[in-house]
N, C-alpha and C. Protein backbone atom coordinates (compact mmCIF):
# COMPACT_ATOMS: atom_id res chain seq x y z
N MET A 1 -18.62 11.64 -14.51
CA MET A 1 -17.56 12.19 -13.67
C MET A 1 -17.02 11.11 -12.73
N ILE A 2 -15.70 10.98 -12.69
CA ILE A 2 -15.06 10.03 -11.79
C ILE A 2 -14.60 10.78 -10.54
N ASN A 3 -15.16 10.42 -9.40
CA ASN A 3 -14.81 11.07 -8.13
C ASN A 3 -13.64 10.35 -7.48
N VAL A 4 -12.61 11.11 -7.12
CA VAL A 4 -11.35 10.54 -6.65
C VAL A 4 -11.03 11.03 -5.24
N LEU A 5 -10.55 10.10 -4.40
CA LEU A 5 -10.02 10.44 -3.07
C LEU A 5 -8.51 10.27 -3.08
N LEU A 6 -7.79 11.27 -2.56
CA LEU A 6 -6.33 11.20 -2.45
C LEU A 6 -5.95 10.85 -1.02
N VAL A 7 -5.10 9.84 -0.84
CA VAL A 7 -4.68 9.41 0.49
C VAL A 7 -3.15 9.39 0.54
N ASP A 8 -2.58 10.33 1.27
CA ASP A 8 -1.12 10.41 1.42
C ASP A 8 -0.84 11.31 2.61
N ASP A 9 0.16 10.94 3.42
CA ASP A 9 0.45 11.75 4.60
C ASP A 9 1.31 12.96 4.29
N HIS A 10 1.69 13.14 3.03
CA HIS A 10 2.45 14.33 2.64
C HIS A 10 1.57 15.30 1.87
N GLU A 11 1.38 16.48 2.44
CA GLU A 11 0.51 17.48 1.83
C GLU A 11 0.99 17.88 0.44
N LEU A 12 2.31 17.99 0.27
CA LEU A 12 2.85 18.40 -1.02
C LEU A 12 2.51 17.38 -2.11
N VAL A 13 2.54 16.09 -1.75
CA VAL A 13 2.19 15.05 -2.72
C VAL A 13 0.72 15.18 -3.11
N ARG A 14 -0.15 15.34 -2.11
CA ARG A 14 -1.58 15.47 -2.40
C ARG A 14 -1.86 16.71 -3.24
N THR A 15 -1.21 17.81 -2.90
CA THR A 15 -1.42 19.06 -3.64
C THR A 15 -1.00 18.90 -5.10
N GLY A 16 0.13 18.25 -5.32
CA GLY A 16 0.62 18.06 -6.68
C GLY A 16 -0.32 17.21 -7.51
N ILE A 17 -0.80 16.11 -6.91
CA ILE A 17 -1.72 15.23 -7.64
C ILE A 17 -3.05 15.93 -7.90
N ARG A 18 -3.54 16.67 -6.91
CA ARG A 18 -4.79 17.40 -7.09
C ARG A 18 -4.69 18.39 -8.26
N LYS A 19 -3.58 19.10 -8.34
CA LYS A 19 -3.41 20.05 -9.44
C LYS A 19 -3.46 19.37 -10.79
N ILE A 20 -2.84 18.19 -10.86
CA ILE A 20 -2.86 17.43 -12.11
C ILE A 20 -4.28 17.00 -12.47
N LEU A 21 -4.98 16.40 -11.50
CA LEU A 21 -6.30 15.85 -11.78
C LEU A 21 -7.35 16.91 -12.00
N ASP A 22 -7.19 18.07 -11.36
CA ASP A 22 -8.17 19.15 -11.53
C ASP A 22 -8.20 19.67 -12.97
N GLU A 23 -7.13 19.40 -13.71
CA GLU A 23 -7.06 19.88 -15.10
C GLU A 23 -7.55 18.83 -16.10
N VAL A 24 -7.95 17.66 -15.59
CA VAL A 24 -8.38 16.58 -16.48
C VAL A 24 -9.91 16.51 -16.53
N LYS A 25 -10.43 16.61 -17.71
CA LYS A 25 -11.88 16.56 -17.90
C LYS A 25 -12.41 15.19 -17.48
N GLY A 26 -13.47 15.19 -16.72
CA GLY A 26 -14.11 13.94 -16.31
C GLY A 26 -13.61 13.39 -15.00
N LEU A 27 -12.61 14.06 -14.38
CA LEU A 27 -12.11 13.65 -13.07
C LEU A 27 -12.34 14.76 -12.06
N LYS A 28 -12.66 14.36 -10.82
CA LYS A 28 -12.88 15.35 -9.76
C LYS A 28 -12.36 14.81 -8.44
N VAL A 29 -11.45 15.55 -7.82
CA VAL A 29 -10.96 15.17 -6.48
C VAL A 29 -11.99 15.64 -5.47
N ILE A 30 -12.60 14.71 -4.76
CA ILE A 30 -13.65 15.08 -3.81
C ILE A 30 -13.17 15.06 -2.37
N GLY A 31 -11.90 14.66 -2.16
CA GLY A 31 -11.40 14.66 -0.79
C GLY A 31 -9.94 14.28 -0.71
N GLU A 32 -9.33 14.63 0.43
CA GLU A 32 -7.95 14.28 0.73
C GLU A 32 -7.89 13.79 2.18
N THR A 33 -7.17 12.72 2.41
CA THR A 33 -6.92 12.27 3.79
C THR A 33 -5.44 11.93 3.92
N GLN A 34 -4.95 11.93 5.15
CA GLN A 34 -3.52 11.70 5.36
C GLN A 34 -3.21 10.43 6.14
N THR A 35 -4.23 9.65 6.46
CA THR A 35 -4.00 8.35 7.11
C THR A 35 -4.97 7.33 6.54
N GLY A 36 -4.62 6.06 6.74
CA GLY A 36 -5.51 5.00 6.29
C GLY A 36 -6.83 5.01 7.02
N GLU A 37 -6.80 5.33 8.32
CA GLU A 37 -8.02 5.37 9.11
C GLU A 37 -8.99 6.42 8.56
N GLU A 38 -8.45 7.60 8.24
CA GLU A 38 -9.30 8.67 7.68
C GLU A 38 -9.86 8.26 6.33
N ALA A 39 -9.06 7.55 5.55
CA ALA A 39 -9.52 7.10 4.23
C ALA A 39 -10.70 6.14 4.35
N VAL A 40 -10.60 5.20 5.30
CA VAL A 40 -11.69 4.24 5.51
C VAL A 40 -12.98 4.97 5.89
N GLN A 41 -12.86 5.92 6.82
CA GLN A 41 -14.04 6.67 7.27
C GLN A 41 -14.63 7.50 6.13
N PHE A 42 -13.76 8.13 5.35
CA PHE A 42 -14.23 8.96 4.25
C PHE A 42 -15.00 8.11 3.23
N CYS A 43 -14.46 6.94 2.92
CA CYS A 43 -15.10 6.08 1.93
C CYS A 43 -16.46 5.58 2.39
N ARG A 44 -16.61 5.33 3.66
CA ARG A 44 -17.90 4.87 4.17
C ARG A 44 -18.97 5.96 4.05
N LYS A 45 -18.54 7.21 4.19
CA LYS A 45 -19.50 8.32 4.16
C LYS A 45 -19.73 8.87 2.76
N ASN A 46 -18.70 8.87 1.92
CA ASN A 46 -18.76 9.60 0.66
C ASN A 46 -18.70 8.76 -0.61
N GLN A 47 -18.26 7.51 -0.49
CA GLN A 47 -18.24 6.59 -1.62
C GLN A 47 -17.60 7.16 -2.89
N PRO A 48 -16.31 7.47 -2.87
CA PRO A 48 -15.64 7.89 -4.11
C PRO A 48 -15.60 6.73 -5.10
N ASP A 49 -15.38 7.04 -6.35
CA ASP A 49 -15.26 5.99 -7.36
C ASP A 49 -13.89 5.33 -7.30
N VAL A 50 -12.85 6.16 -7.12
CA VAL A 50 -11.47 5.68 -7.14
C VAL A 50 -10.70 6.30 -5.99
N VAL A 51 -9.86 5.51 -5.34
CA VAL A 51 -8.98 5.98 -4.28
C VAL A 51 -7.54 5.82 -4.72
N LEU A 52 -6.76 6.89 -4.64
CA LEU A 52 -5.31 6.81 -4.86
C LEU A 52 -4.68 6.69 -3.48
N MET A 53 -4.13 5.52 -3.17
CA MET A 53 -3.72 5.17 -1.81
C MET A 53 -2.21 5.03 -1.68
N ASP A 54 -1.61 5.81 -0.77
CA ASP A 54 -0.21 5.61 -0.43
C ASP A 54 -0.10 4.37 0.46
N MET A 55 1.05 3.74 0.48
CA MET A 55 1.25 2.54 1.29
C MET A 55 1.80 2.85 2.66
N ASN A 56 2.83 3.68 2.71
CA ASN A 56 3.60 3.85 3.94
C ASN A 56 3.18 5.11 4.67
N MET A 57 2.19 4.96 5.57
CA MET A 57 1.67 6.09 6.35
C MET A 57 1.59 5.70 7.82
N PRO A 58 1.55 6.68 8.71
CA PRO A 58 1.35 6.37 10.12
C PRO A 58 0.02 5.64 10.33
N GLY A 59 -0.07 4.90 11.42
CA GLY A 59 -1.31 4.20 11.71
C GLY A 59 -1.39 2.86 11.00
N ILE A 60 -2.57 2.50 10.52
CA ILE A 60 -2.76 1.18 9.92
C ILE A 60 -2.06 1.06 8.57
N GLY A 61 -1.74 2.18 7.93
CA GLY A 61 -1.04 2.14 6.66
C GLY A 61 -1.96 1.80 5.49
N GLY A 62 -1.39 1.83 4.30
CA GLY A 62 -2.19 1.66 3.10
C GLY A 62 -2.69 0.25 2.86
N LEU A 63 -1.93 -0.76 3.29
CA LEU A 63 -2.33 -2.14 3.06
C LEU A 63 -3.62 -2.47 3.80
N GLU A 64 -3.66 -2.17 5.09
CA GLU A 64 -4.85 -2.46 5.90
C GLU A 64 -6.01 -1.58 5.46
N ALA A 65 -5.73 -0.32 5.14
CA ALA A 65 -6.80 0.59 4.70
C ALA A 65 -7.44 0.10 3.41
N THR A 66 -6.60 -0.34 2.48
CA THR A 66 -7.12 -0.88 1.22
C THR A 66 -8.02 -2.08 1.47
N LYS A 67 -7.57 -2.97 2.33
CA LYS A 67 -8.35 -4.17 2.63
C LYS A 67 -9.70 -3.82 3.24
N LYS A 68 -9.71 -2.85 4.16
CA LYS A 68 -10.96 -2.46 4.82
C LYS A 68 -11.92 -1.76 3.85
N ILE A 69 -11.38 -0.90 3.00
CA ILE A 69 -12.24 -0.21 2.04
C ILE A 69 -12.90 -1.21 1.10
N ILE A 70 -12.12 -2.15 0.60
CA ILE A 70 -12.65 -3.14 -0.33
C ILE A 70 -13.67 -4.05 0.36
N ARG A 71 -13.42 -4.37 1.62
CA ARG A 71 -14.33 -5.25 2.36
C ARG A 71 -15.69 -4.59 2.55
N TYR A 72 -15.69 -3.30 2.93
CA TYR A 72 -16.96 -2.63 3.23
C TYR A 72 -17.59 -1.94 2.02
N SER A 73 -16.77 -1.61 1.03
CA SER A 73 -17.28 -0.90 -0.15
C SER A 73 -16.64 -1.50 -1.41
N PRO A 74 -17.06 -2.70 -1.80
CA PRO A 74 -16.40 -3.40 -2.91
C PRO A 74 -16.49 -2.67 -4.25
N ASP A 75 -17.40 -1.73 -4.38
CA ASP A 75 -17.52 -0.99 -5.64
C ASP A 75 -16.44 0.09 -5.79
N ILE A 76 -15.81 0.46 -4.69
CA ILE A 76 -14.75 1.48 -4.75
C ILE A 76 -13.47 0.83 -5.29
N LYS A 77 -12.84 1.48 -6.25
CA LYS A 77 -11.62 0.97 -6.85
C LYS A 77 -10.41 1.64 -6.20
N VAL A 78 -9.51 0.85 -5.67
CA VAL A 78 -8.33 1.38 -4.99
C VAL A 78 -7.10 1.18 -5.88
N ILE A 79 -6.41 2.29 -6.16
CA ILE A 79 -5.12 2.22 -6.85
C ILE A 79 -4.05 2.58 -5.82
N VAL A 80 -3.13 1.67 -5.58
CA VAL A 80 -2.02 1.97 -4.68
C VAL A 80 -0.98 2.76 -5.46
N LEU A 81 -0.63 3.92 -4.92
CA LEU A 81 0.36 4.82 -5.53
C LEU A 81 1.49 4.99 -4.53
N THR A 82 2.64 4.39 -4.79
CA THR A 82 3.66 4.27 -3.75
C THR A 82 5.07 4.25 -4.33
N VAL A 83 6.06 4.33 -3.45
CA VAL A 83 7.45 4.22 -3.88
C VAL A 83 7.90 2.77 -3.98
N TYR A 84 7.13 1.84 -3.42
CA TYR A 84 7.53 0.44 -3.41
C TYR A 84 7.38 -0.19 -4.79
N SER A 85 8.47 -0.73 -5.30
CA SER A 85 8.42 -1.37 -6.61
C SER A 85 8.79 -2.85 -6.56
N GLU A 86 9.26 -3.31 -5.40
CA GLU A 86 9.74 -4.69 -5.29
C GLU A 86 8.67 -5.61 -4.72
N ASP A 87 8.54 -6.77 -5.34
CA ASP A 87 7.69 -7.81 -4.80
C ASP A 87 8.30 -8.32 -3.49
N PRO A 88 7.49 -8.83 -2.54
CA PRO A 88 6.11 -9.26 -2.72
C PRO A 88 5.05 -8.21 -2.45
N ILE A 89 5.42 -6.95 -2.18
CA ILE A 89 4.42 -5.95 -1.84
C ILE A 89 3.38 -5.77 -2.94
N PRO A 90 3.76 -5.54 -4.21
CA PRO A 90 2.72 -5.39 -5.23
C PRO A 90 1.80 -6.61 -5.34
N THR A 91 2.38 -7.79 -5.24
CA THR A 91 1.57 -9.01 -5.34
C THR A 91 0.56 -9.08 -4.19
N LYS A 92 1.01 -8.80 -2.97
CA LYS A 92 0.10 -8.85 -1.81
C LYS A 92 -1.01 -7.82 -1.97
N VAL A 93 -0.66 -6.63 -2.46
CA VAL A 93 -1.65 -5.56 -2.64
C VAL A 93 -2.73 -6.00 -3.64
N MET A 94 -2.31 -6.59 -4.74
CA MET A 94 -3.28 -7.01 -5.75
C MET A 94 -4.10 -8.21 -5.26
N GLN A 95 -3.48 -9.06 -4.44
CA GLN A 95 -4.20 -10.23 -3.93
C GLN A 95 -5.34 -9.85 -3.00
N ILE A 96 -5.19 -8.74 -2.27
CA ILE A 96 -6.27 -8.35 -1.37
C ILE A 96 -7.39 -7.60 -2.09
N GLY A 97 -7.20 -7.37 -3.39
CA GLY A 97 -8.30 -6.80 -4.16
C GLY A 97 -8.11 -5.41 -4.71
N ALA A 98 -6.90 -4.84 -4.59
CA ALA A 98 -6.66 -3.52 -5.18
C ALA A 98 -6.89 -3.60 -6.69
N ALA A 99 -7.35 -2.50 -7.26
CA ALA A 99 -7.64 -2.47 -8.70
C ALA A 99 -6.42 -2.06 -9.51
N GLY A 100 -5.46 -1.40 -8.86
CA GLY A 100 -4.30 -0.93 -9.60
C GLY A 100 -3.09 -0.73 -8.72
N TYR A 101 -1.93 -0.65 -9.35
CA TYR A 101 -0.67 -0.44 -8.64
C TYR A 101 0.22 0.45 -9.49
N LEU A 102 0.55 1.63 -8.97
CA LEU A 102 1.42 2.58 -9.65
C LEU A 102 2.55 2.99 -8.72
N THR A 103 3.72 3.24 -9.28
CA THR A 103 4.78 3.85 -8.49
C THR A 103 4.68 5.36 -8.62
N LYS A 104 5.29 6.07 -7.69
CA LYS A 104 5.22 7.53 -7.72
C LYS A 104 6.08 8.12 -8.83
N GLY A 105 6.77 7.28 -9.56
CA GLY A 105 7.51 7.74 -10.73
C GLY A 105 6.66 7.73 -11.99
N ALA A 106 5.41 7.30 -11.86
CA ALA A 106 4.53 7.23 -13.03
C ALA A 106 4.26 8.63 -13.57
N GLY A 107 4.09 8.72 -14.87
CA GLY A 107 3.78 10.00 -15.50
C GLY A 107 2.32 10.36 -15.34
N THR A 108 2.00 11.61 -15.67
CA THR A 108 0.63 12.10 -15.55
C THR A 108 -0.33 11.28 -16.40
N ASP A 109 0.02 11.02 -17.65
CA ASP A 109 -0.86 10.28 -18.55
C ASP A 109 -1.13 8.88 -18.02
N GLU A 110 -0.10 8.24 -17.48
CA GLU A 110 -0.29 6.88 -16.96
C GLU A 110 -1.24 6.88 -15.78
N MET A 111 -1.09 7.86 -14.88
CA MET A 111 -1.97 7.93 -13.71
C MET A 111 -3.42 8.14 -14.14
N VAL A 112 -3.64 9.05 -15.07
CA VAL A 112 -4.99 9.32 -15.55
C VAL A 112 -5.56 8.08 -16.24
N ASN A 113 -4.76 7.44 -17.07
CA ASN A 113 -5.21 6.23 -17.76
C ASN A 113 -5.55 5.12 -16.76
N ALA A 114 -4.76 5.02 -15.70
CA ALA A 114 -5.02 4.00 -14.68
C ALA A 114 -6.35 4.27 -13.98
N ILE A 115 -6.61 5.51 -13.65
CA ILE A 115 -7.87 5.87 -12.99
C ILE A 115 -9.06 5.51 -13.88
N ARG A 116 -8.97 5.87 -15.13
CA ARG A 116 -10.07 5.58 -16.06
C ARG A 116 -10.23 4.08 -16.28
N ALA A 117 -9.09 3.37 -16.33
CA ALA A 117 -9.15 1.93 -16.56
C ALA A 117 -9.84 1.21 -15.40
N VAL A 118 -9.42 1.50 -14.16
CA VAL A 118 -10.02 0.79 -13.03
C VAL A 118 -11.47 1.19 -12.83
N ASN A 119 -11.81 2.43 -13.14
CA ASN A 119 -13.19 2.87 -13.02
C ASN A 119 -14.10 2.12 -13.99
N SER A 120 -13.53 1.68 -15.11
CA SER A 120 -14.32 0.94 -16.10
C SER A 120 -14.32 -0.56 -15.84
N GLY A 121 -13.69 -0.96 -14.72
CA GLY A 121 -13.71 -2.37 -14.34
C GLY A 121 -12.46 -3.15 -14.67
N GLN A 122 -11.47 -2.49 -15.25
CA GLN A 122 -10.21 -3.17 -15.56
C GLN A 122 -9.25 -3.07 -14.38
N ARG A 123 -8.16 -3.80 -14.47
CA ARG A 123 -7.08 -3.66 -13.50
C ARG A 123 -5.89 -3.02 -14.21
N TYR A 124 -5.12 -2.25 -13.45
CA TYR A 124 -3.96 -1.59 -14.06
C TYR A 124 -2.75 -1.72 -13.15
N ILE A 125 -1.65 -2.20 -13.73
CA ILE A 125 -0.37 -2.29 -13.02
C ILE A 125 0.70 -1.67 -13.90
N THR A 126 1.51 -0.79 -13.32
CA THR A 126 2.63 -0.23 -14.07
C THR A 126 3.40 -1.36 -14.75
N PRO A 127 3.65 -1.24 -16.06
CA PRO A 127 4.29 -2.34 -16.80
C PRO A 127 5.56 -2.89 -16.15
N GLU A 128 6.39 -2.00 -15.63
CA GLU A 128 7.63 -2.44 -14.98
C GLU A 128 7.33 -3.34 -13.78
N ILE A 129 6.30 -2.95 -13.00
CA ILE A 129 5.91 -3.73 -11.82
C ILE A 129 5.30 -5.06 -12.26
N ALA A 130 4.47 -5.02 -13.29
CA ALA A 130 3.84 -6.24 -13.78
C ALA A 130 4.89 -7.26 -14.21
N GLN A 131 5.95 -6.78 -14.85
CA GLN A 131 7.02 -7.68 -15.28
C GLN A 131 7.73 -8.29 -14.08
N LYS A 132 8.00 -7.46 -13.06
CA LYS A 132 8.65 -7.98 -11.86
C LYS A 132 7.78 -9.01 -11.17
N MET A 133 6.47 -8.75 -11.13
CA MET A 133 5.55 -9.69 -10.49
C MET A 133 5.54 -11.02 -11.22
N ALA A 134 5.59 -10.96 -12.54
CA ALA A 134 5.60 -12.19 -13.33
C ALA A 134 6.88 -12.98 -13.09
N LEU A 135 7.99 -12.30 -13.06
CA LEU A 135 9.28 -12.97 -12.84
C LEU A 135 9.39 -13.50 -11.42
N ASN A 136 8.74 -12.82 -10.48
CA ASN A 136 8.85 -13.21 -9.08
C ASN A 136 8.25 -14.58 -8.82
N GLN A 137 7.33 -15.02 -9.70
CA GLN A 137 6.73 -16.34 -9.53
C GLN A 137 7.77 -17.45 -9.62
N PHE A 138 8.88 -17.14 -10.26
CA PHE A 138 9.92 -18.16 -10.45
C PHE A 138 11.04 -18.04 -9.41
N LYS A 139 10.87 -17.07 -8.49
CA LYS A 139 11.89 -16.89 -7.46
C LYS A 139 11.51 -17.66 -6.20
N SER A 140 12.50 -18.22 -5.54
CA SER A 140 12.27 -18.93 -4.29
C SER A 140 12.42 -17.98 -3.12
N ALA A 141 12.05 -18.46 -1.93
CA ALA A 141 12.20 -17.66 -0.72
C ALA A 141 13.67 -17.36 -0.43
N GLU A 142 14.56 -18.21 -0.96
CA GLU A 142 15.98 -17.97 -0.75
C GLU A 142 16.44 -16.73 -1.52
N GLU A 143 15.86 -16.51 -2.71
CA GLU A 143 16.23 -15.35 -3.50
C GLU A 143 15.65 -14.07 -2.91
N ASN A 144 14.44 -14.14 -2.41
CA ASN A 144 13.83 -13.01 -1.72
C ASN A 144 13.06 -13.56 -0.52
N PRO A 145 13.66 -13.52 0.67
CA PRO A 145 13.05 -14.15 1.84
C PRO A 145 11.68 -13.57 2.20
N PHE A 146 11.40 -12.34 1.77
CA PHE A 146 10.13 -11.71 2.09
C PHE A 146 8.96 -12.37 1.37
N ASN A 147 9.27 -13.17 0.33
CA ASN A 147 8.21 -13.91 -0.35
C ASN A 147 7.54 -14.93 0.57
N SER A 148 8.23 -15.30 1.65
CA SER A 148 7.69 -16.31 2.55
C SER A 148 6.70 -15.74 3.57
N LEU A 149 6.59 -14.42 3.63
CA LEU A 149 5.72 -13.80 4.63
C LEU A 149 4.26 -13.83 4.21
N SER A 150 3.40 -14.01 5.19
CA SER A 150 1.97 -13.89 4.94
C SER A 150 1.60 -12.41 4.81
N GLU A 151 0.38 -12.16 4.40
CA GLU A 151 -0.09 -10.77 4.28
C GLU A 151 0.04 -10.03 5.61
N ARG A 152 -0.40 -10.66 6.69
CA ARG A 152 -0.35 -10.00 8.01
C ARG A 152 1.08 -9.79 8.46
N GLU A 153 1.95 -10.77 8.22
CA GLU A 153 3.35 -10.63 8.60
C GLU A 153 4.00 -9.50 7.81
N LEU A 154 3.67 -9.39 6.54
CA LEU A 154 4.21 -8.31 5.72
C LEU A 154 3.75 -6.96 6.25
N GLN A 155 2.49 -6.88 6.61
CA GLN A 155 1.94 -5.63 7.15
C GLN A 155 2.66 -5.23 8.44
N ILE A 156 2.85 -6.18 9.33
CA ILE A 156 3.52 -5.89 10.59
C ILE A 156 4.98 -5.55 10.34
N MET A 157 5.61 -6.21 9.38
CA MET A 157 6.98 -5.89 9.03
C MET A 157 7.12 -4.43 8.61
N LEU A 158 6.19 -3.96 7.78
CA LEU A 158 6.24 -2.56 7.34
C LEU A 158 6.08 -1.60 8.51
N MET A 159 5.25 -1.95 9.46
CA MET A 159 5.03 -1.09 10.62
C MET A 159 6.24 -1.10 11.54
N VAL A 160 6.80 -2.28 11.77
CA VAL A 160 7.98 -2.40 12.63
C VAL A 160 9.15 -1.62 12.05
N THR A 161 9.37 -1.74 10.74
CA THR A 161 10.50 -1.05 10.12
C THR A 161 10.27 0.45 10.01
N ARG A 162 9.05 0.92 10.26
CA ARG A 162 8.81 2.36 10.36
C ARG A 162 9.15 2.85 11.77
N GLY A 163 9.49 1.92 12.65
CA GLY A 163 9.84 2.30 14.01
C GLY A 163 8.68 2.26 14.98
N GLU A 164 7.55 1.70 14.56
CA GLU A 164 6.38 1.65 15.43
C GLU A 164 6.50 0.49 16.41
N LYS A 165 6.09 0.74 17.65
CA LYS A 165 6.25 -0.23 18.73
C LYS A 165 5.04 -1.17 18.81
N VAL A 166 5.26 -2.30 19.47
CA VAL A 166 4.25 -3.34 19.55
C VAL A 166 2.92 -2.84 20.11
N PRO A 167 2.89 -2.08 21.24
CA PRO A 167 1.59 -1.61 21.75
C PRO A 167 0.83 -0.75 20.73
N TYR A 168 1.56 0.08 19.99
CA TYR A 168 0.93 0.93 18.98
C TYR A 168 0.38 0.08 17.84
N ILE A 169 1.17 -0.88 17.37
CA ILE A 169 0.73 -1.76 16.29
C ILE A 169 -0.49 -2.55 16.74
N SER A 170 -0.46 -3.02 17.97
CA SER A 170 -1.57 -3.77 18.54
C SER A 170 -2.86 -2.95 18.51
N GLU A 171 -2.74 -1.69 18.92
CA GLU A 171 -3.92 -0.80 18.95
C GLU A 171 -4.44 -0.54 17.54
N GLN A 172 -3.53 -0.26 16.60
CA GLN A 172 -3.95 0.08 15.25
C GLN A 172 -4.61 -1.09 14.53
N LEU A 173 -4.13 -2.30 14.77
CA LEU A 173 -4.65 -3.47 14.07
C LEU A 173 -5.71 -4.23 14.86
N SER A 174 -6.03 -3.71 16.06
CA SER A 174 -7.03 -4.34 16.93
C SER A 174 -6.69 -5.80 17.22
N LEU A 175 -5.40 -6.02 17.50
CA LEU A 175 -4.91 -7.34 17.89
C LEU A 175 -4.19 -7.21 19.22
N SER A 176 -4.13 -8.29 19.98
CA SER A 176 -3.43 -8.24 21.26
C SER A 176 -1.93 -8.12 21.05
N THR A 177 -1.23 -7.59 22.06
CA THR A 177 0.22 -7.49 21.95
C THR A 177 0.84 -8.88 21.84
N LYS A 178 0.23 -9.87 22.49
CA LYS A 178 0.72 -11.24 22.40
C LYS A 178 0.65 -11.75 20.95
N THR A 179 -0.45 -11.42 20.28
CA THR A 179 -0.60 -11.84 18.89
C THR A 179 0.42 -11.15 18.00
N ILE A 180 0.62 -9.86 18.21
CA ILE A 180 1.60 -9.11 17.41
C ILE A 180 3.00 -9.70 17.61
N ASN A 181 3.34 -9.98 18.86
CA ASN A 181 4.67 -10.57 19.13
C ASN A 181 4.80 -11.95 18.50
N SER A 182 3.72 -12.71 18.48
CA SER A 182 3.76 -14.03 17.84
C SER A 182 4.07 -13.88 16.35
N TYR A 183 3.43 -12.91 15.70
CA TYR A 183 3.70 -12.65 14.29
C TYR A 183 5.16 -12.21 14.10
N ARG A 184 5.64 -11.36 15.00
CA ARG A 184 7.01 -10.87 14.89
C ARG A 184 8.01 -12.02 14.97
N TYR A 185 7.85 -12.88 15.97
CA TYR A 185 8.81 -13.97 16.16
C TYR A 185 8.74 -14.97 15.00
N ARG A 186 7.53 -15.21 14.50
CA ARG A 186 7.39 -16.10 13.33
C ARG A 186 8.08 -15.48 12.12
N MET A 187 7.94 -14.16 11.98
CA MET A 187 8.57 -13.43 10.89
C MET A 187 10.09 -13.48 11.03
N PHE A 188 10.59 -13.28 12.24
CA PHE A 188 12.02 -13.35 12.49
C PHE A 188 12.58 -14.72 12.08
N GLU A 189 11.85 -15.79 12.41
CA GLU A 189 12.30 -17.13 12.07
C GLU A 189 12.36 -17.31 10.55
N LYS A 190 11.32 -16.86 9.86
CA LYS A 190 11.29 -17.01 8.40
C LYS A 190 12.42 -16.24 7.72
N LEU A 191 12.74 -15.06 8.28
CA LEU A 191 13.73 -14.19 7.66
C LEU A 191 15.13 -14.39 8.22
N ASN A 192 15.24 -15.24 9.25
CA ASN A 192 16.52 -15.53 9.88
C ASN A 192 17.18 -14.28 10.46
N VAL A 193 16.37 -13.48 11.17
CA VAL A 193 16.88 -12.31 11.89
C VAL A 193 16.49 -12.46 13.35
N SER A 194 17.13 -11.69 14.21
CA SER A 194 16.87 -11.86 15.64
C SER A 194 16.29 -10.64 16.32
N ASN A 195 16.23 -9.51 15.62
CA ASN A 195 15.67 -8.31 16.25
C ASN A 195 15.21 -7.32 15.17
N ASP A 196 14.61 -6.21 15.64
CA ASP A 196 14.04 -5.23 14.71
C ASP A 196 15.10 -4.53 13.87
N VAL A 197 16.28 -4.34 14.43
CA VAL A 197 17.35 -3.68 13.69
C VAL A 197 17.79 -4.54 12.51
N GLU A 198 17.98 -5.83 12.75
CA GLU A 198 18.36 -6.74 11.67
C GLU A 198 17.25 -6.82 10.62
N LEU A 199 16.01 -6.81 11.09
CA LEU A 199 14.87 -6.84 10.18
C LEU A 199 14.88 -5.61 9.27
N THR A 200 15.15 -4.44 9.85
CA THR A 200 15.17 -3.20 9.07
C THR A 200 16.28 -3.23 8.03
N HIS A 201 17.46 -3.69 8.41
CA HIS A 201 18.57 -3.77 7.47
C HIS A 201 18.23 -4.72 6.31
N LEU A 202 17.59 -5.85 6.63
CA LEU A 202 17.22 -6.81 5.59
C LEU A 202 16.16 -6.21 4.66
N ALA A 203 15.22 -5.46 5.24
CA ALA A 203 14.17 -4.84 4.44
C ALA A 203 14.75 -3.83 3.45
N ILE A 204 15.73 -3.06 3.91
CA ILE A 204 16.39 -2.09 3.01
C ILE A 204 17.12 -2.83 1.90
N ARG A 205 17.79 -3.90 2.27
CA ARG A 205 18.58 -4.67 1.29
C ARG A 205 17.71 -5.20 0.15
N TYR A 206 16.50 -5.63 0.48
CA TYR A 206 15.63 -6.23 -0.54
C TYR A 206 14.58 -5.25 -1.08
N GLY A 207 14.75 -3.97 -0.80
CA GLY A 207 13.85 -2.98 -1.36
C GLY A 207 12.49 -2.92 -0.72
N MET A 208 12.34 -3.51 0.48
CA MET A 208 11.06 -3.47 1.19
C MET A 208 10.89 -2.20 2.00
N LEU A 209 11.96 -1.44 2.14
CA LEU A 209 11.93 -0.22 2.94
C LEU A 209 12.78 0.82 2.25
N LYS A 210 12.23 2.00 2.11
CA LYS A 210 12.97 3.09 1.50
C LYS A 210 13.62 3.92 2.61
N THR A 211 14.87 4.29 2.42
CA THR A 211 15.58 5.06 3.44
C THR A 211 15.03 6.47 3.54
N GLU A 212 14.44 6.96 2.46
CA GLU A 212 13.74 8.25 2.51
C GLU A 212 12.32 7.98 2.09
N ARG A 213 11.38 8.10 3.03
CA ARG A 213 9.99 7.75 2.77
C ARG A 213 9.29 8.87 2.04
N LEU A 214 8.51 8.54 1.01
CA LEU A 214 7.73 9.51 0.24
C LEU A 214 6.26 9.26 0.45
């Protein structure tokens, strides 16, 4: 039996996925959480085999939660299930140790196959995303300026473009406000923007931010 944790801040999304997985032999949903923080705590106590992790959630978000789960429980396989299809997000997610990457447009069979694949020790990436990741290696920062961001800068960018303020980001990431601002200004320089509004517009332009979050 493969024990699965669902992590998404939308109850309807979790309910839909649970209904699908409950009908699949050999899979069992053992929990649901709606934030990255809750997911980390759940994994430390319950040790699921596979985590289906949303990226864009309040708090630390899916990127930081994935990193923490893998750091403390390396046997747990994390599949990021998200609306983000544009690099560098998939590449950064896989670099920190995620076992899989699926978009929310994936079909039922693909999701089930991905869960079984990562549980058996393989990695799984939606073919469309894998192709984009391969092609992205040949793109320069001029073609996609977000390629120049570090993992931490990308994480803070996602939080800033969600409208979260520096003190809140500082608290969630356990970093000083001075450190967060240093990352922000370094990010602004790399992306050639001067404020959060310009950053948000650029993120939308390059597919780093969805205007309707799922």
